[in-house]
Amino acid sequence: MLDLLIRGATVYDGTGKPASKSDVGVQNGKLVPPESSAKTVVDAGGLALMPGIIDLHTHYDAQVTWDPRLTPSVALGVTTAILGNCGFGIAPCPPQQRETMLKNLSVVEGMDLDALLAGTRWDFESFADYLAALERIRPYANVGVLAGHSCIRIAAMGEAASLKKTPSTAELEKMKLLLRDALKAGAAGFASSFSPNHSGWGGLPMPSTIATDEELKSLTGELKNHGKGIFVIASGSRATPEYLEAIVAETGRPAFMVTVLTMHNQAAPGRAMQFFERCARAIERGREVYIHANCQPLSFDFNLRDPYILYSHDAFDRVKTAPPEGREAVYRDQSFRKRLRENFLKPAQGILFYGDWSQVEQDGVPVTEIARREGKDPLDYVFDLPLDTQLVAKLYQNDDAHVAPLLRHPAGVIALSDAGAHLIYFCDAGYGLHFLAHWVRDTGTFTLEEAVRRLTSDPARKYRIPGRGTIAPGNHADLLLFDPGEVGVSELQRVRDMPAGGARMVRHPRGVHGVWVNGVRVFDGKDYEALPAGPGAVLREFSA
């Protein structure tokens, strides 16, 4: 007798081949040929069954320590999540650096600092200890964790990590040892950031962004020695496709770039495709260089106390060096505003915001509209605001006609939900359901078979995650049951369920009828299952 039999579903197996109506059996957490009887039988007639969504780009590193359900991602069909992206996480972390780690996360990933300080459970120090802590937590989804460059730099260099570009020989050797230990413990790979837009607490750069090329290449050399693991970087303009191809050629490991330069932007409409084509040429040469492709419009939340999306303009050099209480005076200075206008006329490469204030909203209204009502220039209106006024900039991936070719491109991998981050102002954790709704049902850009492949087996293959991403005997039973005619995500809703009474924005699923992780139902379509322990595995084994 089987543990579970899902009967009569239209099965999209994740390979891209045509769907077929069939039964699916589960025994001991694995997919097996169906039988006539089972302890639990689910009648799935009229519904579609696919492998669970594999989300390669999340920031649940701290949240998972108090929220093993990884809300809301699990309800949104995600059965495997990769943590530690951009090199920002919480391990390894010496006790004296815990507050620094959390303060940096609160800025660079738009998290509630009070919630982080109150909620994070620090029963670990090393990376191996962190993975062991996750196993004790028993998450509802499978989780893999990338070893993070900024975490490793802070652990090796302390407060100097954001100030000192070139580490001492001893500091570099300590970084290499920490990365080596993380890979041996089961890290999914190594993550870093060169993005000029990644600033931490007090406007200081996130540590990896000031690292030298020599440091990065010395660290990625540990991937070569390990023989497994991927490399992913928030690349900015510095880590070009050719730069990453050289790393792949040296290490033999696949590399992934995350940057707004690969996203459609009306200020440079052809640039993104050029990046995809350069990666494609590297792949043709046998060197795997891929791009995290975002299937949703990309938003950035910020305020004038920590305006990280503007830091790459040199007008903000004065802001970054000013004490927090002195920033308002800088903003009021007409010479600052004059210099920023000059920056917008001659923008540097790799910046986020080009000065189109119609793309920036306050309480859902474009600031250009609010400024017009008040008879102000939009720039003056913004910099007259109180420092804590929250703004949202909607800058990239906002034109379907230009985005569709990027999503179809084989050099991309559908990712970049940022789940767990920026949760105070928006929630993109439902990217997979959005992909099925918008890019399949609404626009017909993808067939359902191909869309399922791009959300499941394609990321599993590229990230070397074995046994997941396809519905096949012997694979792990990570499954999503849904109604193709109804699937999607709700509008944003604000809930107050964070530690210390913090609020966040969430989305709820539409058309989802069940989510299973390793054969255990974790979400029934309306509510999370009340389980004594989550069935998710901490992924430690990855394919070469």
Protein backbone atom coordinates (compact mmCIF):
# COMPACT_ATOMS: atom_id res chain seq x y z
CA MET A 1 0.00 0.00 0.00
CA LEU A 2 1.31 3.42 -0.98
CA ASP A 3 1.60 6.38 1.38
CA LEU A 4 -0.07 8.66 -1.16
CA LEU A 5 -1.86 8.28 -4.47
CA ILE A 6 -2.76 11.35 -6.53
CA ARG A 7 -5.35 10.11 -8.99
CA GLY A 8 -6.44 11.50 -12.33
CA ALA A 9 -4.26 14.62 -12.56
CA THR A 10 -2.93 16.03 -15.81
CA VAL A 11 0.76 15.55 -15.12
CA TYR A 12 3.35 18.05 -16.28
CA ASP A 13 6.49 16.14 -15.40
CA GLY A 14 8.99 19.01 -15.60
CA THR A 15 10.84 17.77 -18.68
CA GLY A 16 8.80 19.84 -21.14
CA LYS A 17 7.27 16.83 -22.86
CA PRO A 18 3.49 16.84 -23.48
CA ALA A 19 1.34 16.45 -20.41
CA SER A 20 -0.64 13.28 -19.82
CA LYS A 21 -3.47 12.29 -17.52
CA SER A 22 -2.16 9.72 -15.05
CA ASP A 23 -1.88 8.65 -11.43
CA VAL A 24 1.17 9.41 -9.29
CA GLY A 25 2.30 7.30 -6.36
CA VAL A 26 4.43 8.22 -3.34
CA GLN A 27 6.16 5.91 -0.89
CA ASN A 28 8.66 6.94 1.80
CA GLY A 29 8.96 10.43 0.35
CA LYS A 30 9.85 9.21 -3.14
CA LEU A 31 7.87 8.95 -6.37
CA VAL A 32 6.95 5.39 -7.28
CA PRO A 33 4.71 3.71 -9.88
CA PRO A 34 1.04 4.07 -8.87
CA GLU A 35 -0.90 1.24 -7.25
CA SER A 36 -4.59 0.73 -6.63
CA SER A 37 -4.53 1.45 -2.91
CA ALA A 38 -2.90 4.00 -0.64
CA LYS A 39 -3.19 5.37 2.88
CA THR A 40 -4.17 8.73 1.39
CA VAL A 41 -5.87 9.16 -1.97
CA VAL A 42 -6.28 12.59 -3.59
CA ASP A 43 -8.80 12.90 -6.40
CA ALA A 44 -7.11 15.38 -8.76
CA GLY A 45 -9.50 15.15 -11.69
CA GLY A 46 -9.54 18.42 -13.65
CA LEU A 47 -6.33 19.64 -11.98
CA ALA A 48 -2.70 19.81 -13.03
CA LEU A 49 0.21 18.27 -11.14
CA MET A 50 3.78 19.49 -11.51
CA PRO A 51 7.04 19.28 -9.57
CA GLY A 52 7.36 21.87 -6.83
CA ILE A 53 8.88 25.21 -7.81
CA ILE A 54 12.62 25.58 -7.18
CA ASP A 55 13.39 29.13 -6.07
CA LEU A 56 17.09 29.83 -6.59
CA HIS A 57 17.16 33.36 -5.20
CA THR A 58 15.83 33.81 -1.67
CA HIS A 59 16.94 35.58 1.50
CA TYR A 60 15.31 33.44 4.18
CA ASP A 61 18.63 33.04 6.05
CA ALA A 62 17.41 34.76 9.23
CA GLN A 63 13.65 34.26 8.87
CA VAL A 64 13.91 30.46 8.71
CA THR A 65 15.32 30.44 12.26
CA TRP A 66 11.94 31.62 13.61
CA ASP A 67 9.65 30.62 10.71
CA PRO A 68 10.23 27.02 9.57
CA ARG A 69 7.26 27.30 7.20
CA LEU A 70 9.19 29.80 5.06
CA THR A 71 6.06 31.84 4.64
CA PRO A 72 4.72 32.73 2.19
CA SER A 73 6.84 30.81 -0.33
CA VAL A 74 5.64 27.31 0.54
CA ALA A 75 1.99 28.31 0.07
CA LEU A 76 3.01 29.79 -3.28
CA GLY A 77 4.23 26.43 -4.57
CA VAL A 78 7.92 26.59 -3.66
CA THR A 79 9.28 23.27 -2.40
CA THR A 80 13.03 24.05 -2.62
CA ALA A 81 14.64 27.38 -1.73
CA ILE A 82 18.27 28.45 -2.06
CA LEU A 83 19.43 30.86 0.67
CA GLY A 84 22.54 33.01 1.01
CA ASN A 85 22.18 34.92 -2.24
CA CYS A 86 24.39 37.91 -3.07
CA GLY A 87 26.74 36.65 -0.36
CA PHE A 88 24.48 38.08 2.36
CA GLY A 89 23.47 35.73 5.14
CA ILE A 90 24.15 35.03 8.79
CA ALA A 91 26.81 32.30 8.75
CA PRO A 92 29.64 32.00 9.48
CA CYS A 93 29.23 34.65 12.15
CA PRO A 94 31.30 35.16 15.31
CA PRO A 95 29.07 36.24 18.22
CA GLN A 96 30.59 39.73 18.32
CA GLN A 97 29.54 40.31 14.68
CA ARG A 98 25.89 39.25 14.99
CA GLU A 99 24.47 42.74 15.27
CA THR A 100 26.61 43.93 12.34
CA MET A 101 25.29 41.09 10.16
CA LEU A 102 21.67 41.90 10.98
CA LYS A 103 22.09 45.65 10.61
CA ASN A 104 23.58 45.13 7.15
CA LEU A 105 20.72 42.82 6.16
CA SER A 106 18.17 45.36 7.34
CA VAL A 107 19.48 47.89 4.84
CA VAL A 108 20.71 45.95 1.85
CA GLU A 109 17.72 43.59 1.81
CA GLY A 110 15.08 45.96 3.17
CA MET A 111 14.33 43.97 6.34
CA ASP A 112 12.82 45.10 9.63
CA LEU A 113 15.78 45.46 12.00
CA ASP A 114 13.67 45.10 15.15
CA ALA A 115 12.21 41.86 13.77
CA LEU A 116 15.68 40.57 12.90
CA LEU A 117 17.10 41.41 16.31
CA ALA A 118 14.14 39.92 18.17
CA GLY A 119 13.57 36.86 16.02
CA THR A 120 16.91 35.48 14.85
CA ARG A 121 17.90 32.39 16.81
CA TRP A 122 21.68 32.34 17.15
CA ASP A 123 22.44 28.73 18.07
CA PHE A 124 25.31 28.48 15.60
CA GLU A 125 28.55 30.18 14.66
CA SER A 126 30.19 28.28 11.80
CA PHE A 127 28.55 27.51 8.47
CA ALA A 128 28.40 23.81 9.39
CA ASP A 129 26.68 24.77 12.66
CA TYR A 130 24.13 26.79 10.69
CA LEU A 131 23.23 23.82 8.47
CA ALA A 132 22.91 21.66 11.58
CA ALA A 133 20.64 24.31 13.13
CA LEU A 134 18.43 24.21 10.01
CA GLU A 135 18.15 20.45 10.37
CA ARG A 136 16.98 20.91 13.95
CA ILE A 137 14.48 23.54 12.83
CA ARG A 138 12.95 21.09 10.31
CA PRO A 139 11.72 23.53 7.63
CA TYR A 140 8.61 22.92 5.55
CA ALA A 141 10.59 23.27 2.32
CA ASN A 142 13.93 21.88 1.21
CA VAL A 143 16.68 24.45 1.67
CA GLY A 144 20.15 24.78 0.22
CA VAL A 145 22.54 27.49 1.38
CA LEU A 146 25.24 29.36 -0.50
CA ALA A 147 28.41 30.31 1.35
CA GLY A 148 28.45 34.11 1.35
CA HIS A 149 31.42 36.30 0.51
CA SER A 150 30.32 39.19 2.73
CA CYS A 151 29.65 36.85 5.66
CA ILE A 152 33.04 35.22 5.25
CA ARG A 153 34.76 38.60 4.93
CA ILE A 154 33.16 39.87 8.15
CA ALA A 155 34.05 36.66 9.98
CA ALA A 156 37.68 36.98 8.87
CA MET A 157 38.18 40.76 9.02
CA GLY A 158 35.66 42.08 11.53
CA GLU A 159 34.62 45.72 11.18
CA ALA A 160 37.36 46.31 8.60
CA ALA A 161 35.48 44.12 6.10
CA SER A 162 33.56 47.13 4.74
CA LEU A 163 36.53 49.49 4.84
CA LYS A 164 39.63 47.59 3.78
CA LYS A 165 39.85 46.58 0.12
CA THR A 166 42.88 44.32 0.32
CA PRO A 167 43.00 41.76 3.12
CA SER A 168 46.24 40.70 4.72
CA THR A 169 47.69 37.36 3.72
CA ALA A 170 46.43 35.88 6.98
CA GLU A 171 42.94 37.31 6.47
CA LEU A 172 42.71 35.94 2.94
CA GLU A 173 43.86 32.51 4.12
CA LYS A 174 41.20 32.59 6.83
CA MET A 175 38.55 33.45 4.22
CA LYS A 176 39.65 30.54 2.05
CA LEU A 177 39.52 28.20 5.03
CA LEU A 178 36.03 29.37 5.99
CA LEU A 179 34.80 28.83 2.42
CA ARG A 180 36.51 25.44 2.22
CA ASP A 181 34.81 24.38 5.45
CA ALA A 182 31.42 25.61 4.18
CA LEU A 183 31.74 23.64 0.95
CA LYS A 184 32.74 20.50 2.85
CA ALA A 185 29.74 20.98 5.14
CA GLY A 186 27.38 21.06 2.16
CA ALA A 187 27.15 24.60 0.80
CA ALA A 188 25.39 24.80 -2.56
CA GLY A 189 28.21 26.99 -3.81
CA PHE A 190 29.66 30.45 -3.31
CA ALA A 191 27.85 33.78 -3.62
CA SER A 192 29.21 37.30 -3.86
CA SER A 193 28.32 40.82 -4.92
CA PHE A 194 30.14 43.54 -6.81
CA SER A 195 27.02 45.68 -7.09
CA PRO A 196 27.65 49.38 -6.35
CA ASN A 197 24.05 49.53 -5.19
CA HIS A 198 24.64 47.07 -2.33
CA SER A 199 25.27 49.21 0.72
CA GLY A 200 24.82 48.18 4.32
CA TRP A 201 24.31 49.90 7.64
CA GLY A 202 25.19 53.58 7.72
CA GLY A 203 25.83 53.67 3.97
CA LEU A 204 28.98 51.56 4.20
CA PRO A 205 29.51 49.22 1.25
CA MET A 206 28.67 45.58 1.73
CA PRO A 207 32.04 43.89 2.27
CA SER A 208 32.34 41.88 -0.93
CA THR A 209 31.65 44.91 -3.13
CA ILE A 210 35.06 46.40 -2.31
CA ALA A 211 36.99 43.12 -2.68
CA THR A 212 39.72 42.95 -5.30
CA ASP A 213 39.60 40.68 -8.35
CA GLU A 214 42.51 38.77 -6.85
CA GLU A 215 40.54 38.06 -3.68
CA LEU A 216 37.49 36.86 -5.57
CA LYS A 217 39.48 34.60 -7.87
CA SER A 218 41.39 33.18 -4.91
CA LEU A 219 38.08 32.28 -3.26
CA THR A 220 36.43 30.86 -6.37
CA GLY A 221 39.49 28.65 -6.67
CA GLU A 222 38.06 26.73 -3.72
CA LEU A 223 35.18 25.68 -5.98
CA LYS A 224 37.70 24.15 -8.35
CA ASN A 225 39.36 22.28 -5.51
CA HIS A 226 36.00 21.06 -4.21
CA GLY A 227 34.81 19.91 -7.65
CA LYS A 228 31.20 20.85 -6.92
CA GLY A 229 29.11 23.94 -6.28
CA ILE A 230 28.01 26.88 -8.36
CA PHE A 231 29.15 30.50 -8.27
CA VAL A 232 26.58 33.30 -8.29
CA ILE A 233 27.28 37.02 -8.10
CA ALA A 234 25.35 40.26 -8.06
CA SER A 235 27.71 41.38 -10.74
CA GLY A 236 27.14 45.07 -11.31
CA SER A 237 29.10 46.35 -14.30
CA ARG A 238 32.38 44.86 -13.06
CA ALA A 239 31.73 41.12 -13.39
CA THR A 240 30.87 41.03 -17.09
CA PRO A 241 29.92 37.82 -18.92
CA GLU A 242 33.52 37.62 -20.11
CA TYR A 243 34.82 38.09 -16.54
CA LEU A 244 32.62 35.23 -15.37
CA GLU A 245 33.58 33.07 -18.34
CA ALA A 246 37.21 33.36 -17.25
CA ILE A 247 36.24 32.17 -13.76
CA VAL A 248 34.29 29.25 -15.22
CA ALA A 249 37.22 28.34 -17.44
CA GLU A 250 39.50 28.28 -14.39
CA THR A 251 37.18 26.54 -11.93
CA GLY A 252 35.11 24.27 -14.16
CA ARG A 253 32.02 25.32 -12.22
CA PRO A 254 28.91 27.09 -13.63
CA ALA A 255 28.47 30.79 -12.87
CA PHE A 256 25.34 32.90 -12.60
CA MET A 257 25.06 36.66 -12.81
CA VAL A 258 22.40 38.82 -11.14
CA THR A 259 22.26 42.42 -12.28
CA VAL A 260 19.81 45.06 -13.46
CA LEU A 261 21.98 45.35 -16.57
CA THR A 262 20.34 42.11 -17.76
CA MET A 263 16.82 43.46 -17.19
CA HIS A 264 14.78 45.52 -19.60
CA ASN A 265 15.08 49.22 -18.89
CA GLN A 266 13.44 51.78 -21.15
CA ALA A 267 16.54 53.97 -20.83
CA ALA A 268 18.64 51.28 -22.55
CA PRO A 269 16.16 48.96 -24.30
CA GLY A 270 18.64 46.75 -26.15
CA ARG A 271 21.25 46.30 -23.47
CA ALA A 272 19.75 43.32 -21.63
CA MET A 273 19.61 41.10 -24.70
CA GLN A 274 23.26 41.87 -25.42
CA PHE A 275 24.15 40.36 -22.03
CA PHE A 276 22.12 37.23 -22.74
CA GLU A 277 23.80 36.81 -26.11
CA ARG A 278 27.28 37.22 -24.60
CA CYS A 279 26.43 34.50 -22.08
CA ALA A 280 25.13 32.31 -24.89
CA ARG A 281 28.44 32.60 -26.71
CA ALA A 282 30.26 31.53 -23.53
CA ILE A 283 27.95 28.51 -23.25
CA GLU A 284 28.70 27.60 -26.86
CA ARG A 285 32.37 27.55 -25.88
CA GLY A 286 31.56 25.05 -23.14
CA ARG A 287 31.58 27.54 -20.27
CA GLU A 288 28.31 27.81 -18.41
CA VAL A 289 27.48 31.43 -17.66
CA TYR A 290 23.82 32.03 -16.93
CA ILE A 291 21.62 34.95 -15.91
CA HIS A 292 18.97 35.06 -13.17
CA ALA A 293 15.98 36.18 -15.24
CA ASN A 294 13.19 37.99 -13.41
CA CYS A 295 9.65 37.31 -14.66
CA GLN A 296 8.06 40.17 -12.66
CA PRO A 297 8.53 43.94 -12.69
CA LEU A 298 11.38 44.69 -10.31
CA SER A 299 10.74 47.12 -7.48
CA PHE A 300 13.09 48.75 -4.98
CA ASP A 301 11.97 50.14 -1.64
CA PHE A 302 14.00 52.93 -0.04
CA ASN A 303 13.90 56.10 1.99
CA LEU A 304 16.22 59.07 2.30
CA ARG A 305 17.78 57.72 5.47
CA ASP A 306 19.13 54.77 3.47
CA PRO A 307 18.66 55.61 -0.24
CA TYR A 308 20.69 52.63 -1.45
CA ILE A 309 19.38 52.74 -5.03
CA LEU A 310 20.98 56.20 -5.41
CA TYR A 311 24.37 55.56 -3.81
CA SER A 312 26.11 54.82 -7.12
CA HIS A 313 25.69 58.48 -8.17
CA ASP A 314 28.72 60.51 -7.06
CA ALA A 315 26.43 63.21 -5.69
CA PHE A 316 25.81 60.75 -2.87
CA ASP A 317 29.45 60.56 -1.83
CA ARG A 318 28.67 63.38 0.59
CA VAL A 319 25.62 61.54 1.87
CA LYS A 320 27.47 58.29 2.57
CA THR A 321 30.11 60.09 4.66
CA ALA A 322 27.64 62.30 6.54
CA PRO A 323 26.38 61.15 9.95
CA PRO A 324 22.71 60.06 9.93
CA GLU A 325 21.65 63.28 11.63
CA GLY A 326 23.49 65.30 8.97
CA ARG A 327 21.90 63.82 5.87
CA GLU A 328 18.92 66.14 5.84
CA ALA A 329 21.24 69.14 5.58
CA VAL A 330 23.03 67.59 2.59
CA TYR A 331 19.70 67.00 0.82
CA ARG A 332 18.64 70.59 1.38
CA ASP A 333 21.89 71.88 -0.13
CA GLN A 334 21.26 73.14 -3.67
CA SER A 335 24.75 72.13 -4.75
CA PHE A 336 23.88 68.50 -3.93
CA ARG A 337 20.71 68.69 -6.01
CA LYS A 338 22.55 70.37 -8.88
CA ARG A 339 25.18 67.60 -8.87
CA LEU A 340 22.52 64.87 -8.84
CA ARG A 341 20.81 66.45 -11.85
CA GLU A 342 24.17 66.39 -13.62
CA ASN A 343 24.56 62.70 -12.71
CA PHE A 344 21.18 61.96 -14.28
CA LEU A 345 22.24 63.72 -17.51
CA LYS A 346 25.46 61.67 -17.71
CA PRO A 347 24.73 58.45 -15.81
CA ALA A 348 27.52 56.09 -14.86
CA GLN A 349 27.32 52.44 -15.90
CA GLY A 350 25.54 49.99 -13.62
CA ILE A 351 23.34 52.46 -11.77
CA LEU A 352 19.78 51.62 -10.78
CA PHE A 353 17.93 54.91 -11.18
CA TYR A 354 18.27 57.26 -14.14
CA GLY A 355 16.15 60.13 -12.87
CA ASP A 356 12.69 59.25 -14.23
CA TRP A 357 10.64 60.16 -11.16
CA SER A 358 7.44 58.81 -12.74
CA GLN A 359 8.85 55.38 -11.84
CA VAL A 360 8.97 56.25 -8.12
CA GLU A 361 5.84 55.99 -6.00
CA GLN A 362 4.80 57.22 -2.59
CA ASP A 363 1.84 55.30 -1.17
CA GLY A 364 1.15 53.93 -4.65
CA VAL A 365 1.11 57.35 -6.37
CA PRO A 366 3.92 58.49 -8.73
CA VAL A 367 5.90 61.28 -7.11
CA THR A 368 5.67 63.22 -10.38
CA GLU A 369 1.90 63.44 -9.81
CA ILE A 370 2.29 64.48 -6.17
CA ALA A 371 4.97 67.03 -7.09
CA ARG A 372 2.74 68.46 -9.83
CA ARG A 373 -0.07 68.97 -7.33
CA GLU A 374 2.31 70.82 -5.01
CA GLY A 375 3.88 72.86 -7.78
CA LYS A 376 7.36 71.41 -7.28
CA ASP A 377 10.05 69.86 -9.40
CA PRO A 378 9.94 66.09 -8.65
CA LEU A 379 13.56 65.99 -7.50
CA ASP A 380 12.97 68.88 -5.13
CA TYR A 381 9.78 67.27 -3.87
CA VAL A 382 11.59 64.01 -3.05
CA PHE A 383 14.51 65.63 -1.25
CA ASP A 384 12.20 67.86 0.77
CA LEU A 385 10.54 64.74 2.24
CA PRO A 386 11.14 63.56 5.81
CA LEU A 387 13.99 61.04 5.88
CA ASP A 388 11.79 58.08 6.84
CA THR A 389 9.20 58.52 4.07
CA GLN A 390 9.02 55.21 2.23
CA LEU A 391 9.29 55.22 -1.54
CA VAL A 392 9.08 52.40 -4.09
CA ALA A 393 10.89 52.61 -7.44
CA LYS A 394 9.53 50.39 -10.24
CA LEU A 395 12.39 50.46 -12.66
CA TYR A 396 12.91 47.21 -14.59
CA GLN A 397 11.15 44.36 -16.42
CA ASN A 398 8.00 46.44 -16.89
CA ASP A 399 7.36 45.96 -20.65
CA ASP A 400 6.14 42.50 -21.70
CA ALA A 401 7.17 42.87 -25.33
CA HIS A 402 10.79 43.41 -24.34
CA VAL A 403 10.83 41.04 -21.35
CA ALA A 404 9.42 37.97 -23.15
CA PRO A 405 12.53 37.38 -25.32
CA LEU A 406 14.72 37.56 -22.21
CA LEU A 407 12.60 34.97 -20.41
CA ARG A 408 12.68 32.65 -23.41
CA HIS A 409 16.45 32.88 -23.79
CA PRO A 410 18.32 29.64 -22.94
CA ALA A 411 21.09 31.58 -21.17
CA GLY A 412 18.59 32.57 -18.49
CA VAL A 413 17.17 30.73 -15.51
CA ILE A 414 13.87 31.91 -14.04
CA ALA A 415 14.72 33.23 -10.59
CA LEU A 416 15.12 36.39 -8.52
CA SER A 417 12.09 36.30 -6.24
CA ASP A 418 14.15 37.85 -3.40
CA ALA A 419 11.71 36.01 -1.09
CA GLY A 420 12.31 36.93 2.52
CA ALA A 421 13.75 40.32 1.58
CA HIS A 422 12.17 43.75 1.08
CA LEU A 423 9.15 42.25 2.80
CA ILE A 424 8.19 45.52 4.48
CA TYR A 425 7.04 47.01 1.17
CA PHE A 426 6.39 44.24 -1.37
CA CYS A 427 6.44 40.48 -1.89
CA ASP A 428 7.64 38.73 -5.05
CA ALA A 429 7.74 35.24 -3.50
CA GLY A 430 4.92 34.12 -5.81
CA TYR A 431 6.96 34.56 -8.98
CA GLY A 432 6.30 30.95 -10.05
CA LEU A 433 2.52 31.22 -9.84
CA HIS A 434 2.76 34.60 -11.57
CA PHE A 435 4.77 32.94 -14.34
CA LEU A 436 2.07 30.29 -14.82
CA ALA A 437 -0.68 32.91 -14.81
CA HIS A 438 0.80 35.81 -16.76
CA TRP A 439 3.30 34.25 -19.12
CA VAL A 440 1.24 31.12 -19.88
CA ARG A 441 -2.47 31.80 -19.47
CA ASP A 442 -2.64 35.57 -20.02
CA THR A 443 -0.07 36.16 -22.77
CA GLY A 444 0.57 32.70 -24.26
CA THR A 445 4.30 33.39 -24.26
CA PHE A 446 5.01 29.88 -22.97
CA THR A 447 3.19 26.58 -23.16
CA LEU A 448 2.36 25.16 -19.76
CA GLU A 449 4.77 22.28 -20.37
CA GLU A 450 7.65 24.65 -21.07
CA ALA A 451 6.77 26.98 -18.21
CA VAL A 452 6.79 24.08 -15.77
CA ARG A 453 10.18 22.98 -17.09
CA ARG A 454 11.60 26.47 -16.63
CA LEU A 455 10.42 26.55 -13.00
CA THR A 456 11.53 23.05 -12.04
CA SER A 457 13.97 20.82 -13.91
CA ASP A 458 15.82 23.70 -15.56
CA PRO A 459 16.92 25.36 -12.29
CA ALA A 460 17.59 21.93 -10.75
CA ARG A 461 19.86 20.99 -13.64
CA LYS A 462 21.74 24.26 -13.77
CA TYR A 463 22.25 24.40 -9.98
CA ARG A 464 23.16 20.68 -9.88
CA ILE A 465 20.33 19.74 -7.48
CA PRO A 466 19.86 15.99 -7.83
CA GLY A 467 16.59 14.07 -7.57
CA ARG A 468 14.31 17.08 -7.79
CA GLY A 469 12.57 19.06 -10.49
CA THR A 470 10.90 16.19 -12.40
CA ILE A 471 8.09 13.76 -11.68
CA ALA A 472 9.85 10.44 -12.22
CA PRO A 473 10.14 7.21 -10.21
CA GLY A 474 12.88 7.46 -7.61
CA ASN A 475 12.83 11.25 -7.42
CA HIS A 476 11.78 13.10 -4.29
CA ALA A 477 8.04 13.72 -4.09
CA ASP A 478 7.99 17.53 -4.22
CA LEU A 479 4.67 18.35 -5.89
CA LEU A 480 2.31 21.22 -6.68
CA LEU A 481 -1.36 20.56 -7.52
CA PHE A 482 -3.15 23.46 -9.18
CA ASP A 483 -5.92 24.64 -11.49
CA PRO A 484 -4.34 26.13 -14.66
CA GLY A 485 -7.41 28.29 -15.23
CA GLU A 486 -7.24 29.90 -11.81
CA VAL A 487 -3.58 29.79 -10.77
CA GLY A 488 -1.96 33.06 -9.76
CA VAL A 489 -1.27 35.31 -6.79
CA SER A 490 -3.38 37.76 -4.81
CA GLU A 491 -2.83 41.46 -4.48
CA LEU A 492 -0.41 42.57 -1.78
CA GLN A 493 -1.73 42.34 1.75
CA ARG A 494 -0.13 43.76 4.87
CA VAL A 495 0.06 41.46 7.88
CA ARG A 496 1.59 42.05 11.29
CA ASP A 497 3.09 38.68 12.15
CA MET A 498 6.80 39.39 12.42
CA PRO A 499 8.86 39.27 15.61
CA ALA A 500 8.64 42.42 17.74
CA GLY A 501 5.25 43.16 16.16
CA GLY A 502 6.73 43.92 12.75
CA ALA A 503 4.59 44.15 9.62
CA ARG A 504 5.24 42.74 6.17
CA MET A 505 3.62 42.46 2.78
CA VAL A 506 2.51 39.02 1.59
CA ARG A 507 0.65 37.48 -1.31
CA HIS A 508 -1.65 34.48 -1.19
CA PRO A 509 -1.99 31.76 -3.82
CA ARG A 510 -4.87 31.39 -6.22
CA GLY A 511 -5.80 28.10 -7.80
CA VAL A 512 -3.46 26.02 -5.62
CA HIS A 513 -4.94 22.76 -4.31
CA GLY A 514 -1.97 21.28 -2.52
CA VAL A 515 1.79 21.40 -1.99
CA TRP A 516 3.85 18.34 -0.96
CA VAL A 517 7.48 18.24 0.15
CA ASN A 518 9.15 14.84 0.24
CA GLY A 519 5.72 13.25 0.07
CA VAL A 520 4.20 15.19 2.98
CA ARG A 521 1.46 17.72 2.33
CA VAL A 522 2.55 21.07 3.76
CA PHE A 523 -0.21 23.28 2.34
CA ASP A 524 -3.75 22.20 1.44
CA GLY A 525 -4.62 25.13 -0.80
CA LYS A 526 -6.00 27.26 2.03
CA ASP A 527 -3.88 26.66 5.12
CA TYR A 528 -0.52 25.30 6.18
CA GLU A 529 -0.64 21.83 7.63
CA ALA A 530 -0.09 21.66 11.40
CA LEU A 531 2.86 19.27 11.36
CA PRO A 532 4.99 18.22 14.33
CA ALA A 533 8.04 18.89 12.17
CA GLY A 534 8.56 20.07 8.64
CA PRO A 535 9.48 17.47 5.98
CA GLY A 536 12.01 19.67 4.18
CA ALA A 537 15.57 18.45 3.76
CA VAL A 538 18.69 20.54 4.22
CA LEU A 539 20.41 19.98 0.89
CA ARG A 540 24.06 19.08 1.30
CA GLU A 541 24.74 16.89 -1.74
CA PHE A 542 25.00 18.47 -5.18
CA SER A 543 25.96 16.98 -8.51
CA ALA A 544 29.28 17.67 -10.15
